[in-house]
Amino acid sequence: RLLLGISCVDILSSFWLGMSTWPIPKETGIMWASGTTLSCTIQGFFTQLGISSSFYNASLSFYYLFIVRYDWKDHQIRKVEPFLHIIPILFGLSTAIAGLFLKLFNSANLWCWIASYSPNCDESFRDGSTTCTRGRNANIYRWVFFYGPLWAMIVIVTVNTALIYAAVRKTEKATRRYRMRGESPNRNRSKSVAQQAFWYVGAFYFNWTALTITRIIQTANGKVHYPILLLASITTPIQGLPNFCIYLLPKYRRLRRRNPNVNAIFVLGVLIVQMICPKRFHDGDEESEQPPFHPFRNRTSLLASSIYRIRLSQILNRNEQLALESLEREDGEEE
């Protein structure tokens, strides 16, 4: 559910970030700008709403921390989970709505976001007077509404990840002691959760590092270095893609282990079909009661394999139905 929340926020913000300069008012003269003040305000609103994604990443790090380090059970997680959703959504919506009333959303060159208008106007926090018609004190609000909280979430995620790593290290040492006594407790779940936590943290840094460096340099000396700006314009709008890839990674690895001779791209295609038709497909988990994923000894077409899986499922269901009918008939004859 936390990943669903992250995905919803990322889809909204990434869509509007992907619009780039189109919603910017045409009169600004920026390349490809063809919008109005209204379209710019809408884009700025959803861009600011994207701060919820960083809060959600912090919530996700707390989720892994509770499971791995403190060994929380499901009923304990359910008690705190509402707060892991409410805080990201509440902060993102409140700052985005405040930006509407303060008229903060204007052209920020790459897209519409918190910026002063007209560009390079004098802001009132410096000497009390201003020449800005919109977005007064935008530089302050950038750090209060976005970069300050973003850096706070980066610190929280980093600390939580370090605590998770320490817990996994402690578990590994305890496991070695158990094995020396002839016992071998199963801690695979904690290890796999810890690995996923590190991957999600890495995605967090991947999305926001370039943009943060750009704004720090811009605040320090007013300059923007094109290579870093270009990297930021690529990594920031694709916020959901790394999370999606990390979500697929464990399933992909299982399929590859079961089918080592199959082309990696082909296995990835099968995995996507499994996501689309989860009731018809599965990847052969150890906990699954259904037959394991059929090994592709030849380069069978995806359509043929899909028909095979669906037909096999129908046969198994039919056999179960016949067996139940046979038992009912036997019970009736005995009565």
C-alpha atoms as a PDB file:
ATOM      1  CA  ARG A   1       0.000   0.000   0.000  1.00  0.00           C
ATOM      2  CA  LEU A   2       2.909   2.342   0.627  1.00  0.00           C
ATOM      3  CA  LEU A   3       4.223   1.558  -2.848  1.00  0.00           C
ATOM      4  CA  LEU A   4       0.761   2.296  -4.228  1.00  0.00           C
ATOM      5  CA  GLY A   5       0.840   5.694  -2.539  1.00  0.00           C
ATOM      6  CA  ILE A   6       4.312   6.414  -3.940  1.00  0.00           C
ATOM      7  CA  SER A   7       3.170   5.313  -7.399  1.00  0.00           C
ATOM      8  CA  CYS A   8       0.068   7.538  -7.381  1.00  0.00           C
ATOM      9  CA  VAL A   9       2.089  10.603  -6.386  1.00  0.00           C
ATOM     10  CA  ASP A  10       4.832   9.792  -8.896  1.00  0.00           C
ATOM     11  CA  ILE A  11       2.353   9.334 -11.741  1.00  0.00           C
ATOM     12  CA  LEU A  12       0.743  12.718 -11.093  1.00  0.00           C
ATOM     13  CA  SER A  13       3.955  14.677 -10.638  1.00  0.00           C
ATOM     14  CA  SER A  14       5.849  12.857 -13.409  1.00  0.00           C
ATOM     15  CA  PHE A  15       3.068  13.520 -15.917  1.00  0.00           C
ATOM     16  CA  TRP A  16       3.186  17.263 -15.301  1.00  0.00           C
ATOM     17  CA  LEU A  17       6.979  17.353 -15.134  1.00  0.00           C
ATOM     18  CA  GLY A  18       6.998  15.516 -18.455  1.00  0.00           C
ATOM     19  CA  MET A  19       4.996  18.381 -19.956  1.00  0.00           C
ATOM     20  CA  SER A  20       8.183  20.422 -19.464  1.00  0.00           C
ATOM     21  CA  THR A  21       7.839  23.993 -20.786  1.00  0.00           C
ATOM     22  CA  TRP A  22       4.502  23.558 -22.596  1.00  0.00           C
ATOM     23  CA  PRO A  23       2.307  24.898 -19.744  1.00  0.00           C
ATOM     24  CA  ILE A  24       4.562  27.953 -19.259  1.00  0.00           C
ATOM     25  CA  PRO A  25       2.890  31.171 -20.498  1.00  0.00           C
ATOM     26  CA  LYS A  26       3.724  31.866 -24.107  1.00  0.00           C
ATOM     27  CA  GLU A  27       4.681  35.490 -23.471  1.00  0.00           C
ATOM     28  CA  THR A  28       7.727  34.420 -21.413  1.00  0.00           C
ATOM     29  CA  GLY A  29       9.552  33.559 -24.639  1.00  0.00           C
ATOM     30  CA  ILE A  30      10.855  30.237 -23.253  1.00  0.00           C
ATOM     31  CA  MET A  31      11.373  27.505 -25.844  1.00  0.00           C
ATOM     32  CA  TRP A  32       8.148  25.549 -26.599  1.00  0.00           C
ATOM     33  CA  ALA A  33       6.177  27.556 -24.033  1.00  0.00           C
ATOM     34  CA  SER A  34       2.566  27.684 -25.199  1.00  0.00           C
ATOM     35  CA  GLY A  35       0.473  27.864 -22.028  1.00  0.00           C
ATOM     36  CA  THR A  36      -1.195  30.415 -19.825  1.00  0.00           C
ATOM     37  CA  THR A  37      -0.962  31.480 -16.196  1.00  0.00           C
ATOM     38  CA  LEU A  38      -3.667  28.922 -15.379  1.00  0.00           C
ATOM     39  CA  SER A  39      -1.853  26.011 -17.038  1.00  0.00           C
ATOM     40  CA  CYS A  40       1.373  27.080 -15.355  1.00  0.00           C
ATOM     41  CA  THR A  41      -0.352  27.172 -11.968  1.00  0.00           C
ATOM     42  CA  ILE A  42      -1.774  23.676 -12.469  1.00  0.00           C
ATOM     43  CA  GLN A  43       1.631  22.282 -13.397  1.00  0.00           C
ATOM     44  CA  GLY A  44       3.233  24.023 -10.426  1.00  0.00           C
ATOM     45  CA  PHE A  45       0.594  22.589  -8.074  1.00  0.00           C
ATOM     46  CA  PHE A  46       1.283  18.980  -9.080  1.00  0.00           C
ATOM     47  CA  THR A  47       5.029  19.568  -9.189  1.00  0.00           C
ATOM     48  CA  GLN A  48       4.928  20.730  -5.571  1.00  0.00           C
ATOM     49  CA  LEU A  49       2.642  17.822  -4.700  1.00  0.00           C
ATOM     50  CA  GLY A  50       5.527  15.578  -5.758  1.00  0.00           C
ATOM     51  CA  ILE A  51       7.252  16.335  -2.426  1.00  0.00           C
ATOM     52  CA  SER A  52       4.897  13.708  -1.014  1.00  0.00           C
ATOM     53  CA  SER A  53       6.991  11.106  -2.814  1.00  0.00           C
ATOM     54  CA  SER A  54      10.046  11.847  -0.665  1.00  0.00           C
ATOM     55  CA  PHE A  55       7.894  11.621   2.476  1.00  0.00           C
ATOM     56  CA  TYR A  56       6.517   8.320   1.220  1.00  0.00           C
ATOM     57  CA  ASN A  57      10.075   7.057   0.739  1.00  0.00           C
ATOM     58  CA  ALA A  58      10.747   7.940   4.368  1.00  0.00           C
ATOM     59  CA  SER A  59       7.579   6.073   5.346  1.00  0.00           C
ATOM     60  CA  LEU A  60       8.802   3.072   3.395  1.00  0.00           C
ATOM     61  CA  SER A  61      12.135   3.176   5.204  1.00  0.00           C
ATOM     62  CA  PHE A  62      10.292   3.198   8.545  1.00  0.00           C
ATOM     63  CA  TYR A  63       8.261   0.213   7.362  1.00  0.00           C
ATOM     64  CA  TYR A  64      11.421  -1.790   6.656  1.00  0.00           C
ATOM     65  CA  LEU A  65      12.968  -0.597   9.913  1.00  0.00           C
ATOM     66  CA  PHE A  66      10.007  -1.833  11.929  1.00  0.00           C
ATOM     67  CA  ILE A  67      10.086  -5.244  10.240  1.00  0.00           C
ATOM     68  CA  VAL A  68      13.814  -5.905  10.068  1.00  0.00           C
ATOM     69  CA  ARG A  69      15.218  -4.273  13.199  1.00  0.00           C
ATOM     70  CA  TYR A  70      12.288  -4.408  15.610  1.00  0.00           C
ATOM     71  CA  ASP A  71      10.571  -7.527  14.216  1.00  0.00           C
ATOM     72  CA  TRP A  72       7.121  -5.953  14.208  1.00  0.00           C
ATOM     73  CA  LYS A  73       4.135  -8.145  13.371  1.00  0.00           C
ATOM     74  CA  ASP A  74       1.307  -7.324  10.980  1.00  0.00           C
ATOM     75  CA  HIS A  75      -1.034  -6.084  13.711  1.00  0.00           C
ATOM     76  CA  GLN A  76       1.636  -3.636  14.900  1.00  0.00           C
ATOM     77  CA  ILE A  77       2.262  -2.352  11.380  1.00  0.00           C
ATOM     78  CA  ARG A  78      -1.449  -1.798  10.844  1.00  0.00           C
ATOM     79  CA  LYS A  79      -1.589   0.559  13.842  1.00  0.00           C
ATOM     80  CA  VAL A  80       1.014   2.975  12.448  1.00  0.00           C
ATOM     81  CA  GLU A  81       0.363   2.540   8.718  1.00  0.00           C
ATOM     82  CA  PRO A  82      -2.314   5.281   8.540  1.00  0.00           C
ATOM     83  CA  PHE A  83       0.267   7.822   9.762  1.00  0.00           C
ATOM     84  CA  LEU A  84       2.731   6.612   7.104  1.00  0.00           C
ATOM     85  CA  HIS A  85       0.127   7.701   4.527  1.00  0.00           C
ATOM     86  CA  ILE A  86      -1.405  10.746   6.211  1.00  0.00           C
ATOM     87  CA  ILE A  87       1.854  12.652   6.805  1.00  0.00           C
ATOM     88  CA  PRO A  88       3.113  12.516   3.161  1.00  0.00           C
ATOM     89  CA  ILE A  89      -0.288  13.380   1.681  1.00  0.00           C
ATOM     90  CA  LEU A  90      -1.020  16.119   4.222  1.00  0.00           C
ATOM     91  CA  PHE A  91       2.314  17.886   3.757  1.00  0.00           C
ATOM     92  CA  GLY A  92       2.207  17.676  -0.043  1.00  0.00           C
ATOM     93  CA  LEU A  93      -1.373  18.950  -0.301  1.00  0.00           C
ATOM     94  CA  SER A  94      -0.957  21.710   2.301  1.00  0.00           C
ATOM     95  CA  THR A  95       2.152  23.174   0.655  1.00  0.00           C
ATOM     96  CA  ALA A  96       0.644  22.872  -2.837  1.00  0.00           C
ATOM     97  CA  ILE A  97      -2.564  24.624  -1.723  1.00  0.00           C
ATOM     98  CA  ALA A  98      -0.551  27.303   0.094  1.00  0.00           C
ATOM     99  CA  GLY A  99       1.361  27.874  -3.144  1.00  0.00           C
ATOM    100  CA  LEU A 100      -1.939  28.606  -4.907  1.00  0.00           C
ATOM    101  CA  PHE A 101      -2.933  31.318  -2.427  1.00  0.00           C
ATOM    102  CA  LEU A 102       0.571  32.815  -2.383  1.00  0.00           C
ATOM    103  CA  LYS A 103       0.717  32.802  -6.223  1.00  0.00           C
ATOM    104  CA  LEU A 104       4.067  31.010  -6.081  1.00  0.00           C
ATOM    105  CA  PHE A 105       3.697  28.856  -9.193  1.00  0.00           C
ATOM    106  CA  ASN A 106       5.377  30.530 -12.147  1.00  0.00           C
ATOM    107  CA  SER A 107       7.946  29.731 -14.805  1.00  0.00           C
ATOM    108  CA  ALA A 108      11.046  28.007 -13.383  1.00  0.00           C
ATOM    109  CA  ASN A 109      12.591  27.597 -16.881  1.00  0.00           C
ATOM    110  CA  LEU A 110      12.372  23.765 -17.046  1.00  0.00           C
ATOM    111  CA  TRP A 111       8.747  23.707 -15.900  1.00  0.00           C
ATOM    112  CA  CYS A 112       6.371  25.710 -13.727  1.00  0.00           C
ATOM    113  CA  TRP A 113       7.058  25.569 -10.028  1.00  0.00           C
ATOM    114  CA  ILE A 114       7.882  27.928  -7.150  1.00  0.00           C
ATOM    115  CA  ALA A 115       9.472  30.957  -8.804  1.00  0.00           C
ATOM    116  CA  SER A 116       9.219  34.727  -8.807  1.00  0.00           C
ATOM    117  CA  TYR A 117       7.665  36.694 -11.649  1.00  0.00           C
ATOM    118  CA  SER A 118       8.988  38.620 -13.372  1.00  0.00           C
ATOM    119  CA  PRO A 119      12.371  36.870 -13.436  1.00  0.00           C
ATOM    120  CA  ASN A 120      15.153  38.451 -11.348  1.00  0.00           C
ATOM    121  CA  CYS A 121      12.734  40.774  -9.573  1.00  0.00           C
ATOM    122  CA  ASP A 122      13.634  42.129  -6.132  1.00  0.00           C
ATOM    123  CA  GLU A 123      12.182  40.048  -3.306  1.00  0.00           C
ATOM    124  CA  SER A 124      10.827  41.639  -0.147  1.00  0.00           C
ATOM    125  CA  PHE A 125      12.813  39.541   2.329  1.00  0.00           C
ATOM    126  CA  ARG A 126      15.976  41.430   1.332  1.00  0.00           C
ATOM    127  CA  ASP A 127      14.999  45.050   2.077  1.00  0.00           C
ATOM    128  CA  GLY A 128      11.222  45.004   2.624  1.00  0.00           C
ATOM    129  CA  SER A 129      10.310  46.178  -0.898  1.00  0.00           C
ATOM    130  CA  THR A 130       9.574  44.058  -3.931  1.00  0.00           C
ATOM    131  CA  THR A 131       9.158  44.410  -7.685  1.00  0.00           C
ATOM    132  CA  CYS A 132       7.671  40.908  -8.096  1.00  0.00           C
ATOM    133  CA  THR A 133       4.074  40.729  -9.298  1.00  0.00           C
ATOM    134  CA  ARG A 134       3.818  37.023  -8.419  1.00  0.00           C
ATOM    135  CA  GLY A 135       5.830  34.596  -6.336  1.00  0.00           C
ATOM    136  CA  ARG A 136       7.145  36.991  -3.718  1.00  0.00           C
ATOM    137  CA  ASN A 137      10.024  35.516  -1.687  1.00  0.00           C
ATOM    138  CA  ALA A 138       9.985  32.429  -3.909  1.00  0.00           C
ATOM    139  CA  ASN A 139      13.567  31.522  -3.000  1.00  0.00           C
ATOM    140  CA  ILE A 140      12.610  31.205   0.666  1.00  0.00           C
ATOM    141  CA  TYR A 141       9.527  29.135  -0.098  1.00  0.00           C
ATOM    142  CA  ARG A 142      11.574  26.797  -2.295  1.00  0.00           C
ATOM    143  CA  TRP A 143      13.636  25.756   0.695  1.00  0.00           C
ATOM    144  CA  VAL A 144      10.792  25.829   3.236  1.00  0.00           C
ATOM    145  CA  PHE A 145       8.270  23.945   1.100  1.00  0.00           C
ATOM    146  CA  PHE A 146      10.559  21.620  -0.833  1.00  0.00           C
ATOM    147  CA  TYR A 147      14.326  21.393  -0.418  1.00  0.00           C
ATOM    148  CA  GLY A 148      14.370  21.658   3.375  1.00  0.00           C
ATOM    149  CA  PRO A 149      11.842  18.831   3.823  1.00  0.00           C
ATOM    150  CA  LEU A 150      13.514  16.891   1.016  1.00  0.00           C
ATOM    151  CA  TRP A 151      16.889  16.983   2.769  1.00  0.00           C
ATOM    152  CA  ALA A 152      15.199  16.061   6.046  1.00  0.00           C
ATOM    153  CA  MET A 153      13.708  12.977   4.360  1.00  0.00           C
ATOM    154  CA  ILE A 154      17.109  12.116   2.876  1.00  0.00           C
ATOM    155  CA  VAL A 155      18.635  12.189   6.365  1.00  0.00           C
ATOM    156  CA  ILE A 156      15.795  10.090   7.804  1.00  0.00           C
ATOM    157  CA  VAL A 157      16.054   7.514   5.035  1.00  0.00           C
ATOM    158  CA  THR A 158      19.836   7.346   5.403  1.00  0.00           C
ATOM    159  CA  VAL A 159      19.631   6.855   9.176  1.00  0.00           C
ATOM    160  CA  ASN A 160      16.913   4.215   8.886  1.00  0.00           C
ATOM    161  CA  THR A 161      18.894   2.362   6.241  1.00  0.00           C
ATOM    162  CA  ALA A 162      21.984   2.398   8.442  1.00  0.00           C
ATOM    163  CA  LEU A 163      19.925   0.980  11.315  1.00  0.00           C
ATOM    164  CA  ILE A 164      18.571  -1.726   9.012  1.00  0.00           C
ATOM    165  CA  TYR A 165      22.090  -2.604   7.890  1.00  0.00           C
ATOM    166  CA  ALA A 166      23.237  -2.823  11.522  1.00  0.00           C
ATOM    167  CA  ALA A 167      20.331  -5.126  12.333  1.00  0.00           C
ATOM    168  CA  VAL A 168      21.114  -7.416   9.412  1.00  0.00           C
ATOM    169  CA  ARG A 169      24.780  -7.553  10.421  1.00  0.00           C
ATOM    170  CA  LYS A 170      23.773  -8.473  13.955  1.00  0.00           C
ATOM    171  CA  THR A 171      21.488 -11.193  12.606  1.00  0.00           C
ATOM    172  CA  GLU A 172      24.270 -12.624  10.457  1.00  0.00           C
ATOM    173  CA  LYS A 173      26.611 -12.846  13.461  1.00  0.00           C
ATOM    174  CA  ALA A 174      23.916 -14.545  15.531  1.00  0.00           C
ATOM    175  CA  THR A 175      23.255 -16.954  12.659  1.00  0.00           C
ATOM    176  CA  ARG A 176      26.917 -17.957  12.562  1.00  0.00           C
ATOM    177  CA  ARG A 177      26.822 -18.712  16.294  1.00  0.00           C
ATOM    178  CA  TYR A 178      23.710 -20.872  15.858  1.00  0.00           C
ATOM    179  CA  ARG A 179      25.378 -22.832  13.075  1.00  0.00           C
ATOM    180  CA  MET A 180      28.373 -23.480  15.273  1.00  0.00           C
ATOM    181  CA  ARG A 181      25.941 -25.155  17.696  1.00  0.00           C
ATOM    182  CA  GLY A 182      24.468 -27.291  14.934  1.00  0.00           C
ATOM    183  CA  GLU A 183      21.377 -25.147  14.355  1.00  0.00           C
ATOM    184  CA  SER A 184      20.482 -23.143  11.291  1.00  0.00           C
ATOM    185  CA  PRO A 185      17.624 -20.659  11.793  1.00  0.00           C
ATOM    186  CA  ASN A 186      16.002 -19.264   8.670  1.00  0.00           C
ATOM    187  CA  ARG A 187      16.570 -15.495   8.338  1.00  0.00           C
ATOM    188  CA  ASN A 188      16.094 -15.231   4.565  1.00  0.00           C
ATOM    189  CA  ARG A 189      13.069 -12.968   4.979  1.00  0.00           C
ATOM    190  CA  SER A 190      14.976 -10.332   6.945  1.00  0.00           C
ATOM    191  CA  LYS A 191      17.877 -10.384   4.495  1.00  0.00           C
ATOM    192  CA  SER A 192      15.652 -10.007   1.450  1.00  0.00           C
ATOM    193  CA  VAL A 193      13.717  -7.150   3.069  1.00  0.00           C
ATOM    194  CA  ALA A 194      16.972  -5.401   3.946  1.00  0.00           C
ATOM    195  CA  GLN A 195      18.222  -5.732   0.354  1.00  0.00           C
ATOM    196  CA  GLN A 196      14.999  -4.262  -1.002  1.00  0.00           C
ATOM    197  CA  ALA A 197      15.279  -1.378   1.453  1.00  0.00           C
ATOM    198  CA  PHE A 198      18.753  -0.495   0.177  1.00  0.00           C
ATOM    199  CA  TRP A 199      17.544  -0.597  -3.438  1.00  0.00           C
ATOM    200  CA  TYR A 200      14.645   1.756  -2.709  1.00  0.00           C
ATOM    201  CA  VAL A 201      16.979   4.160  -0.912  1.00  0.00           C
ATOM    202  CA  GLY A 202      19.284   4.089  -3.928  1.00  0.00           C
ATOM    203  CA  ALA A 203      16.356   5.011  -6.167  1.00  0.00           C
ATOM    204  CA  PHE A 204      15.567   7.912  -3.840  1.00  0.00           C
ATOM    205  CA  TYR A 205      19.086   9.324  -4.234  1.00  0.00           C
ATOM    206  CA  PHE A 206      19.033   8.675  -7.976  1.00  0.00           C
ATOM    207  CA  ASN A 207      15.906  10.787  -8.426  1.00  0.00           C
ATOM    208  CA  TRP A 208      16.813  13.802  -6.309  1.00  0.00           C
ATOM    209  CA  THR A 209      20.602  14.213  -6.072  1.00  0.00           C
ATOM    210  CA  ALA A 210      21.143  16.002  -9.396  1.00  0.00           C
ATOM    211  CA  LEU A 211      18.277  18.451  -8.859  1.00  0.00           C
ATOM    212  CA  THR A 212      19.373  19.222  -5.306  1.00  0.00           C
ATOM    213  CA  ILE A 213      22.963  19.905  -6.414  1.00  0.00           C
ATOM    214  CA  THR A 214      21.630  22.192  -9.145  1.00  0.00           C
ATOM    215  CA  ARG A 215      19.616  24.286  -6.682  1.00  0.00           C
ATOM    216  CA  ILE A 216      22.480  24.478  -4.169  1.00  0.00           C
ATOM    217  CA  ILE A 217      24.854  25.819  -6.817  1.00  0.00           C
ATOM    218  CA  GLN A 218      22.172  28.176  -8.097  1.00  0.00           C
ATOM    219  CA  THR A 219      21.527  29.543  -4.610  1.00  0.00           C
ATOM    220  CA  ALA A 220      25.251  29.923  -3.877  1.00  0.00           C
ATOM    221  CA  ASN A 221      26.386  31.801  -6.988  1.00  0.00           C
ATOM    222  CA  GLY A 222      23.356  32.189  -9.232  1.00  0.00           C
ATOM    223  CA  LYS A 223      24.823  29.937 -11.920  1.00  0.00           C
ATOM    224  CA  VAL A 224      23.406  26.761 -13.441  1.00  0.00           C
ATOM    225  CA  HIS A 225      25.724  24.145 -14.956  1.00  0.00           C
ATOM    226  CA  TYR A 226      24.109  22.621 -18.020  1.00  0.00           C
ATOM    227  CA  PRO A 227      25.308  18.967 -17.579  1.00  0.00           C
ATOM    228  CA  ILE A 228      23.908  18.786 -14.034  1.00  0.00           C
ATOM    229  CA  LEU A 229      20.729  20.571 -15.102  1.00  0.00           C
ATOM    230  CA  LEU A 230      20.289  18.117 -17.977  1.00  0.00           C
ATOM    231  CA  LEU A 231      20.752  15.161 -15.620  1.00  0.00           C
ATOM    232  CA  ALA A 232      18.222  16.658 -13.195  1.00  0.00           C
ATOM    233  CA  SER A 233      15.679  17.148 -15.985  1.00  0.00           C
ATOM    234  CA  ILE A 234      15.989  13.429 -16.802  1.00  0.00           C
ATOM    235  CA  THR A 235      16.075  11.837 -13.345  1.00  0.00           C
ATOM    236  CA  THR A 236      13.396  13.943 -11.651  1.00  0.00           C
ATOM    237  CA  PRO A 237      10.413  13.216 -13.968  1.00  0.00           C
ATOM    238  CA  ILE A 238      11.022   9.430 -13.976  1.00  0.00           C
ATOM    239  CA  GLN A 239      10.518   9.071 -10.233  1.00  0.00           C
ATOM    240  CA  GLY A 240       8.373   5.949 -10.460  1.00  0.00           C
ATOM    241  CA  LEU A 241      10.546   4.008 -12.911  1.00  0.00           C
ATOM    242  CA  PRO A 242      13.319   2.982 -10.469  1.00  0.00           C
ATOM    243  CA  ASN A 243      10.726   1.915  -7.880  1.00  0.00           C
ATOM    244  CA  PHE A 244       8.913  -0.133 -10.520  1.00  0.00           C
ATOM    245  CA  CYS A 245      12.132  -1.864 -11.585  1.00  0.00           C
ATOM    246  CA  ILE A 246      13.095  -2.594  -7.975  1.00  0.00           C
ATOM    247  CA  TYR A 247       9.631  -4.017  -7.317  1.00  0.00           C
ATOM    248  CA  LEU A 248      10.071  -6.429 -10.248  1.00  0.00           C
ATOM    249  CA  LEU A 249      13.642  -7.400  -9.344  1.00  0.00           C
ATOM    250  CA  PRO A 250      12.943 -10.282  -6.876  1.00  0.00           C
ATOM    251  CA  LYS A 251      10.397 -11.884  -9.211  1.00  0.00           C
ATOM    252  CA  TYR A 252      12.721 -11.466 -12.166  1.00  0.00           C
ATOM    253  CA  ARG A 253      15.578 -13.159 -10.301  1.00  0.00           C
ATOM    254  CA  ARG A 254      13.367 -16.110  -9.359  1.00  0.00           C
ATOM    255  CA  LEU A 255      12.296 -16.607 -12.958  1.00  0.00           C
ATOM    256  CA  ARG A 256      15.895 -16.398 -14.154  1.00  0.00           C
ATOM    257  CA  ARG A 257      17.003 -18.998 -11.617  1.00  0.00           C
ATOM    258  CA  ARG A 258      14.273 -21.380 -12.735  1.00  0.00           C
ATOM    259  CA  ASN A 259      14.940 -20.752 -16.420  1.00  0.00           C
ATOM    260  CA  PRO A 260      18.671 -20.003 -16.797  1.00  0.00           C
ATOM    261  CA  ASN A 261      18.778 -20.809 -20.524  1.00  0.00           C
ATOM    262  CA  VAL A 262      16.023 -18.392 -21.497  1.00  0.00           C
ATOM    263  CA  ASN A 263      16.727 -14.948 -22.931  1.00  0.00           C
ATOM    264  CA  ALA A 264      16.568 -12.259 -20.241  1.00  0.00           C
ATOM    265  CA  ILE A 265      14.308  -9.983 -22.313  1.00  0.00           C
ATOM    266  CA  PHE A 266      11.918 -12.876 -22.901  1.00  0.00           C
ATOM    267  CA  VAL A 267      11.728 -13.630 -19.171  1.00  0.00           C
ATOM    268  CA  LEU A 268      11.035  -9.939 -18.514  1.00  0.00           C
ATOM    269  CA  GLY A 269       8.151 -10.091 -21.004  1.00  0.00           C
ATOM    270  CA  VAL A 270       6.702 -13.135 -19.254  1.00  0.00           C
ATOM    271  CA  LEU A 271       7.017 -11.316 -15.921  1.00  0.00           C
ATOM    272  CA  ILE A 272       5.009  -8.369 -17.259  1.00  0.00           C
ATOM    273  CA  VAL A 273       2.308 -10.776 -18.467  1.00  0.00           C
ATOM    274  CA  GLN A 274       2.260 -12.316 -14.990  1.00  0.00           C
ATOM    275  CA  MET A 275       1.542  -8.874 -13.546  1.00  0.00           C
ATOM    276  CA  ILE A 276      -1.301  -8.309 -16.017  1.00  0.00           C
ATOM    277  CA  CYS A 277      -2.834 -11.761 -15.369  1.00  0.00           C
ATOM    278  CA  PRO A 278      -1.840 -12.589 -11.767  1.00  0.00           C
ATOM    279  CA  LYS A 279      -4.499 -15.311 -11.372  1.00  0.00           C
ATOM    280  CA  ARG A 280      -3.272 -17.197 -14.413  1.00  0.00           C
ATOM    281  CA  PHE A 281       0.434 -16.828 -13.876  1.00  0.00           C
ATOM    282  CA  HIS A 282       2.860 -17.159 -10.993  1.00  0.00           C
ATOM    283  CA  ASP A 283       6.590 -17.511 -10.618  1.00  0.00           C
ATOM    284  CA  GLY A 284       6.801 -20.739  -8.672  1.00  0.00           C
ATOM    285  CA  ASP A 285       7.251 -19.418  -5.136  1.00  0.00           C
ATOM    286  CA  GLU A 286       8.079 -21.990  -2.523  1.00  0.00           C
ATOM    287  CA  GLU A 287       4.909 -21.020  -0.661  1.00  0.00           C
ATOM    288  CA  SER A 288       2.711 -21.409  -3.724  1.00  0.00           C
ATOM    289  CA  GLU A 289       0.496 -24.501  -3.968  1.00  0.00           C
ATOM    290  CA  GLN A 290       0.194 -24.178  -7.741  1.00  0.00           C
ATOM    291  CA  PRO A 291       2.563 -25.823 -10.239  1.00  0.00           C
ATOM    292  CA  PRO A 292       5.832 -23.912 -10.829  1.00  0.00           C
ATOM    293  CA  PHE A 293       6.502 -21.723 -13.814  1.00  0.00           C
ATOM    294  CA  HIS A 294       6.797 -23.876 -16.940  1.00  0.00           C
ATOM    295  CA  PRO A 295      10.464 -23.993 -18.117  1.00  0.00           C
ATOM    296  CA  PHE A 296      10.892 -22.738 -21.677  1.00  0.00           C
ATOM    297  CA  ARG A 297      13.259 -25.308 -23.190  1.00  0.00           C
ATOM    298  CA  ASN A 298      12.734 -23.742 -26.611  1.00  0.00           C
ATOM    299  CA  ARG A 299      12.021 -20.174 -27.684  1.00  0.00           C
ATOM    300  CA  THR A 300       8.287 -20.774 -27.475  1.00  0.00           C
ATOM    301  CA  SER A 301       6.136 -17.785 -28.270  1.00  0.00           C
ATOM    302  CA  LEU A 302       4.638 -15.864 -25.395  1.00  0.00           C
ATOM    303  CA  LEU A 303       1.158 -16.493 -26.778  1.00  0.00           C
ATOM    304  CA  ALA A 304       1.709 -20.259 -26.813  1.00  0.00           C
ATOM    305  CA  SER A 305       3.008 -20.248 -23.264  1.00  0.00           C
ATOM    306  CA  SER A 306       0.018 -18.161 -22.163  1.00  0.00           C
ATOM    307  CA  ILE A 307      -2.410 -20.641 -23.711  1.00  0.00           C
ATOM    308  CA  TYR A 308      -0.525 -23.486 -22.037  1.00  0.00           C
ATOM    309  CA  ARG A 309      -0.793 -21.907 -18.592  1.00  0.00           C
ATOM    310  CA  ILE A 310      -4.464 -21.017 -18.969  1.00  0.00           C
ATOM    311  CA  ARG A 311      -5.320 -24.486 -20.284  1.00  0.00           C
ATOM    312  CA  LEU A 312      -3.396 -26.159 -17.458  1.00  0.00           C
ATOM    313  CA  SER A 313      -5.276 -24.073 -14.913  1.00  0.00           C
ATOM    314  CA  GLN A 314      -8.597 -25.059 -16.501  1.00  0.00           C
ATOM    315  CA  ILE A 315      -7.667 -28.771 -16.417  1.00  0.00           C
ATOM    316  CA  LEU A 316      -6.666 -28.593 -12.750  1.00  0.00           C
ATOM    317  CA  ASN A 317      -9.880 -26.806 -11.829  1.00  0.00           C
ATOM    318  CA  ARG A 318     -11.917 -29.356 -13.773  1.00  0.00           C
ATOM    319  CA  ASN A 319     -10.140 -32.256 -12.065  1.00  0.00           C
ATOM    320  CA  GLU A 320     -10.834 -30.744  -8.657  1.00  0.00           C
ATOM    321  CA  GLN A 321     -14.512 -30.344  -9.564  1.00  0.00           C
ATOM    322  CA  LEU A 322     -14.784 -33.961 -10.755  1.00  0.00           C
ATOM    323  CA  ALA A 323     -13.107 -35.223  -7.586  1.00  0.00           C
ATOM    324  CA  LEU A 324     -15.550 -33.272  -5.405  1.00  0.00           C
ATOM    325  CA  GLU A 325     -18.536 -34.606  -7.385  1.00  0.00           C
ATOM    326  CA  SER A 326     -17.210 -38.152  -6.996  1.00  0.00           C
ATOM    327  CA  LEU A 327     -16.898 -37.742  -3.222  1.00  0.00           C
ATOM    328  CA  GLU A 328     -20.431 -36.331  -3.000  1.00  0.00           C
ATOM    329  CA  ARG A 329     -21.792 -39.327  -4.944  1.00  0.00           C
ATOM    330  CA  GLU A 330     -19.975 -41.773  -2.634  1.00  0.00           C
ATOM    331  CA  ASP A 331     -21.361 -40.022   0.418  1.00  0.00           C
ATOM    332  CA  GLY A 332     -24.865 -40.222  -1.029  1.00  0.00           C
ATOM    333  CA  GLU A 333     -24.568 -43.943  -1.756  1.00  0.00           C
ATOM    334  CA  GLU A 334     -23.351 -44.647   1.805  1.00  0.00           C
ATOM    335  CA  GLU A 335     -26.347 -42.798   3.232  1.00  0.00           C
END
